[in-house]
Amino acid sequence: MKRSLLTLFTFFCLAKQFLALAAVAEEASEKELGIVLEVLDRFMVAGREGDAARGARLLDMYESSPKKTVRDIEAYFKSERETFSRYVSIDSDVYGFEYREKGYRGPNLVVEGGVETTGGFTAEFSSRLVLREGRWRILNLEID
């Protein structure tokens, strides 16, 4: 009887520790989500202002090919000029996000949400970012 009570007590202690760790992990994920949303917002503002160099520096591929990345982003900003010109902010109410400790090229965060625009237009985004050298960098971003 004492042994089963001890086992039960040990189980409850471990369960309590697990729940505490899960709460800490969730809080850390939400903090990372806030940082990621700031990165996406800076990219969108760069697009609205037509600043390809600033937008390109937020991409992961910028490290390996800065000049090509700036050219590609400049073309992207021009092709999506209408979307970027109406940009107001990234909605803080995201549809969903998933953090992967061991993702493509390091820790990844995949996030989907809405984009607030002027004139009553709405857009949605889906993005994957990677944490490298202490900075979140955009791997891909799709805007609908």
C-alpha atoms as a PDB file:
ATOM      1  CA  MET A   1       0.000   0.000   0.000  1.00  0.00           C
ATOM      2  CA  LYS A   2       2.770   2.446   0.935  1.00  0.00           C
ATOM      3  CA  ARG A   3       4.637   1.601  -2.235  1.00  0.00           C
ATOM      4  CA  SER A   4       1.623   2.276  -4.459  1.00  0.00           C
ATOM      5  CA  LEU A   5       0.997   5.608  -2.665  1.00  0.00           C
ATOM      6  CA  LEU A   6       4.639   6.535  -3.165  1.00  0.00           C
ATOM      7  CA  THR A   7       4.400   5.616  -6.854  1.00  0.00           C
ATOM      8  CA  LEU A   8       1.193   7.621  -7.205  1.00  0.00           C
ATOM      9  CA  PHE A   9       2.770  10.607  -5.430  1.00  0.00           C
ATOM     10  CA  THR A  10       5.833  10.393  -7.694  1.00  0.00           C
ATOM     11  CA  PHE A  11       3.577  10.277 -10.753  1.00  0.00           C
ATOM     12  CA  PHE A  12       1.691  13.406  -9.657  1.00  0.00           C
ATOM     13  CA  CYS A  13       4.956  15.251  -8.960  1.00  0.00           C
ATOM     14  CA  LEU A  14       6.274  14.379 -12.410  1.00  0.00           C
ATOM     15  CA  ALA A  15       2.974  15.366 -14.020  1.00  0.00           C
ATOM     16  CA  LYS A  16       3.069  18.729 -12.236  1.00  0.00           C
ATOM     17  CA  GLN A  17       6.646  19.339 -13.431  1.00  0.00           C
ATOM     18  CA  PHE A  18       5.681  18.387 -16.984  1.00  0.00           C
ATOM     19  CA  LEU A  19       2.757  20.834 -16.973  1.00  0.00           C
ATOM     20  CA  ALA A  20       5.022  23.584 -15.631  1.00  0.00           C
ATOM     21  CA  LEU A  21       7.566  22.910 -18.399  1.00  0.00           C
ATOM     22  CA  ALA A  22       4.792  22.907 -21.007  1.00  0.00           C
ATOM     23  CA  ALA A  23       3.592  26.303 -19.751  1.00  0.00           C
ATOM     24  CA  VAL A  24       7.140  27.695 -19.973  1.00  0.00           C
ATOM     25  CA  ALA A  25       7.522  26.305 -23.511  1.00  0.00           C
ATOM     26  CA  GLU A  26       4.198  27.848 -24.565  1.00  0.00           C
ATOM     27  CA  GLU A  27       5.200  31.226 -23.125  1.00  0.00           C
ATOM     28  CA  ALA A  28       8.544  31.048 -24.967  1.00  0.00           C
ATOM     29  CA  SER A  29       6.760  30.145 -28.228  1.00  0.00           C
ATOM     30  CA  GLU A  30       4.409  33.117 -27.866  1.00  0.00           C
ATOM     31  CA  LYS A  31       7.378  35.421 -27.214  1.00  0.00           C
ATOM     32  CA  GLU A  32       9.093  34.102 -30.354  1.00  0.00           C
ATOM     33  CA  LEU A  33       5.834  34.585 -32.263  1.00  0.00           C
ATOM     34  CA  GLY A  34       5.824  38.262 -31.282  1.00  0.00           C
ATOM     35  CA  ILE A  35       9.383  38.684 -32.538  1.00  0.00           C
ATOM     36  CA  VAL A  36       8.541  36.893 -35.800  1.00  0.00           C
ATOM     37  CA  LEU A  37       5.508  39.131 -36.372  1.00  0.00           C
ATOM     38  CA  GLU A  38       7.771  42.170 -35.937  1.00  0.00           C
ATOM     39  CA  VAL A  39      10.149  40.800 -38.602  1.00  0.00           C
ATOM     40  CA  LEU A  40       7.255  40.241 -41.005  1.00  0.00           C
ATOM     41  CA  ASP A  41       5.921  43.737 -40.269  1.00  0.00           C
ATOM     42  CA  ARG A  42       9.327  45.287 -41.032  1.00  0.00           C
ATOM     43  CA  PHE A  43       9.409  43.394 -44.343  1.00  0.00           C
ATOM     44  CA  MET A  44       5.927  44.600 -45.271  1.00  0.00           C
ATOM     45  CA  VAL A  45       6.780  48.209 -44.338  1.00  0.00           C
ATOM     46  CA  ALA A  46       9.916  47.961 -46.493  1.00  0.00           C
ATOM     47  CA  GLY A  47       7.679  46.792 -49.345  1.00  0.00           C
ATOM     48  CA  ARG A  48       5.243  49.656 -48.806  1.00  0.00           C
ATOM     49  CA  GLU A  49       8.153  52.119 -48.890  1.00  0.00           C
ATOM     50  CA  GLY A  50       9.842  50.376 -51.832  1.00  0.00           C
ATOM     51  CA  ASP A  51      13.040  49.779 -49.848  1.00  0.00           C
ATOM     52  CA  ALA A  52      14.284  46.508 -51.355  1.00  0.00           C
ATOM     53  CA  ALA A  53      17.653  46.629 -49.564  1.00  0.00           C
ATOM     54  CA  ARG A  54      16.006  46.818 -46.141  1.00  0.00           C
ATOM     55  CA  GLY A  55      13.508  44.081 -47.022  1.00  0.00           C
ATOM     56  CA  ALA A  56      16.219  41.809 -48.439  1.00  0.00           C
ATOM     57  CA  ARG A  57      18.260  41.939 -45.222  1.00  0.00           C
ATOM     58  CA  LEU A  58      15.365  40.196 -43.444  1.00  0.00           C
ATOM     59  CA  LEU A  59      15.624  37.134 -45.692  1.00  0.00           C
ATOM     60  CA  ASP A  60      17.701  34.057 -44.973  1.00  0.00           C
ATOM     61  CA  MET A  61      19.129  33.945 -48.501  1.00  0.00           C
ATOM     62  CA  TYR A  62      20.591  37.453 -48.070  1.00  0.00           C
ATOM     63  CA  GLU A  63      23.598  35.976 -46.237  1.00  0.00           C
ATOM     64  CA  SER A  64      24.668  33.877 -49.222  1.00  0.00           C
ATOM     65  CA  SER A  65      23.802  36.258 -52.065  1.00  0.00           C
ATOM     66  CA  PRO A  66      23.081  39.856 -50.987  1.00  0.00           C
ATOM     67  CA  LYS A  67      23.029  41.543 -54.414  1.00  0.00           C
ATOM     68  CA  LYS A  68      20.836  38.888 -56.024  1.00  0.00           C
ATOM     69  CA  THR A  69      18.470  38.950 -53.056  1.00  0.00           C
ATOM     70  CA  VAL A  70      18.080  42.732 -53.290  1.00  0.00           C
ATOM     71  CA  ARG A  71      17.339  42.464 -57.042  1.00  0.00           C
ATOM     72  CA  ASP A  72      14.802  39.672 -56.463  1.00  0.00           C
ATOM     73  CA  ILE A  73      13.070  41.587 -53.671  1.00  0.00           C
ATOM     74  CA  GLU A  74      13.002  44.764 -55.741  1.00  0.00           C
ATOM     75  CA  ALA A  75      11.215  42.851 -58.508  1.00  0.00           C
ATOM     76  CA  TYR A  76       8.866  41.244 -55.966  1.00  0.00           C
ATOM     77  CA  PHE A  77       7.972  44.602 -54.390  1.00  0.00           C
ATOM     78  CA  LYS A  78       7.214  46.008 -57.861  1.00  0.00           C
ATOM     79  CA  SER A  79       5.067  43.018 -58.857  1.00  0.00           C
ATOM     80  CA  GLU A  80       3.086  43.241 -55.600  1.00  0.00           C
ATOM     81  CA  ARG A  81       3.012  47.052 -55.479  1.00  0.00           C
ATOM     82  CA  GLU A  82      -0.770  47.187 -55.001  1.00  0.00           C
ATOM     83  CA  THR A  83      -0.703  44.847 -51.993  1.00  0.00           C
ATOM     84  CA  PHE A  84       2.225  46.599 -50.334  1.00  0.00           C
ATOM     85  CA  SER A  85       0.861  50.113 -50.950  1.00  0.00           C
ATOM     86  CA  ARG A  86      -2.283  49.267 -48.957  1.00  0.00           C
ATOM     87  CA  TYR A  87      -0.439  47.614 -46.083  1.00  0.00           C
ATOM     88  CA  VAL A  88      -1.256  48.856 -42.566  1.00  0.00           C
ATOM     89  CA  SER A  89      -0.131  46.057 -40.235  1.00  0.00           C
ATOM     90  CA  ILE A  90       0.119  42.347 -39.567  1.00  0.00           C
ATOM     91  CA  ASP A  91      -2.872  41.184 -37.517  1.00  0.00           C
ATOM     92  CA  SER A  92      -1.753  40.086 -34.077  1.00  0.00           C
ATOM     93  CA  ASP A  93      -4.566  37.513 -34.122  1.00  0.00           C
ATOM     94  CA  VAL A  94      -2.798  34.817 -36.135  1.00  0.00           C
ATOM     95  CA  TYR A  95      -4.636  31.792 -37.522  1.00  0.00           C
ATOM     96  CA  GLY A  96      -1.975  29.434 -36.296  1.00  0.00           C
ATOM     97  CA  PHE A  97       1.691  28.868 -35.743  1.00  0.00           C
ATOM     98  CA  GLU A  98       3.985  25.915 -35.276  1.00  0.00           C
ATOM     99  CA  TYR A  99       7.437  25.982 -33.739  1.00  0.00           C
ATOM    100  CA  ARG A 100       9.888  23.260 -34.752  1.00  0.00           C
ATOM    101  CA  GLU A 101      13.099  22.955 -32.765  1.00  0.00           C
ATOM    102  CA  LYS A 102      14.747  20.935 -35.539  1.00  0.00           C
ATOM    103  CA  GLY A 103      13.464  22.377 -38.766  1.00  0.00           C
ATOM    104  CA  TYR A 104      14.940  23.311 -42.102  1.00  0.00           C
ATOM    105  CA  ARG A 105      18.295  25.073 -41.437  1.00  0.00           C
ATOM    106  CA  GLY A 106      17.628  25.269 -37.698  1.00  0.00           C
ATOM    107  CA  PRO A 107      14.705  26.144 -35.432  1.00  0.00           C
ATOM    108  CA  ASN A 108      11.707  27.146 -37.563  1.00  0.00           C
ATOM    109  CA  LEU A 109       8.453  28.942 -36.953  1.00  0.00           C
ATOM    110  CA  VAL A 110       5.624  28.577 -39.437  1.00  0.00           C
ATOM    111  CA  VAL A 111       2.914  31.206 -39.045  1.00  0.00           C
ATOM    112  CA  GLU A 112      -0.322  32.037 -40.864  1.00  0.00           C
ATOM    113  CA  GLY A 113      -2.466  35.092 -40.346  1.00  0.00           C
ATOM    114  CA  GLY A 114      -4.101  38.158 -41.752  1.00  0.00           C
ATOM    115  CA  VAL A 115      -2.820  41.423 -43.107  1.00  0.00           C
ATOM    116  CA  GLU A 116      -4.689  44.629 -42.314  1.00  0.00           C
ATOM    117  CA  THR A 117      -4.921  46.974 -45.289  1.00  0.00           C
ATOM    118  CA  THR A 118      -6.470  50.324 -46.123  1.00  0.00           C
ATOM    119  CA  GLY A 119      -9.716  50.626 -48.029  1.00  0.00           C
ATOM    120  CA  GLY A 120     -11.281  47.540 -46.489  1.00  0.00           C
ATOM    121  CA  PHE A 121      -9.150  45.099 -48.432  1.00  0.00           C
ATOM    122  CA  THR A 122      -7.917  42.013 -46.658  1.00  0.00           C
ATOM    123  CA  ALA A 123      -5.055  39.690 -47.350  1.00  0.00           C
ATOM    124  CA  GLU A 124      -3.687  36.569 -45.738  1.00  0.00           C
ATOM    125  CA  PHE A 125      -0.123  35.442 -45.330  1.00  0.00           C
ATOM    126  CA  SER A 126       1.758  32.244 -44.703  1.00  0.00           C
ATOM    127  CA  SER A 127       5.416  32.339 -43.762  1.00  0.00           C
ATOM    128  CA  ARG A 128       8.276  30.178 -42.557  1.00  0.00           C
ATOM    129  CA  LEU A 129      11.135  31.767 -40.647  1.00  0.00           C
ATOM    130  CA  VAL A 130      14.375  30.290 -39.356  1.00  0.00           C
ATOM    131  CA  LEU A 131      16.338  31.274 -36.268  1.00  0.00           C
ATOM    132  CA  ARG A 132      19.996  31.632 -37.238  1.00  0.00           C
ATOM    133  CA  GLU A 133      22.707  33.404 -35.303  1.00  0.00           C
ATOM    134  CA  GLY A 134      20.127  34.772 -32.868  1.00  0.00           C
ATOM    135  CA  ARG A 135      17.948  36.402 -35.563  1.00  0.00           C
ATOM    136  CA  TRP A 136      14.709  35.323 -37.182  1.00  0.00           C
ATOM    137  CA  ARG A 137      15.057  35.351 -40.970  1.00  0.00           C
ATOM    138  CA  ILE A 138      12.356  34.826 -43.558  1.00  0.00           C
ATOM    139  CA  LEU A 139      12.662  31.608 -45.567  1.00  0.00           C
ATOM    140  CA  ASN A 140       9.429  32.145 -47.485  1.00  0.00           C
ATOM    141  CA  LEU A 141       6.407  34.415 -47.428  1.00  0.00           C
ATOM    142  CA  GLU A 142       3.206  34.019 -49.412  1.00  0.00           C
ATOM    143  CA  ILE A 143       0.594  36.769 -49.497  1.00  0.00           C
ATOM    144  CA  ASP A 144      -2.890  36.109 -50.914  1.00  0.00           C
END
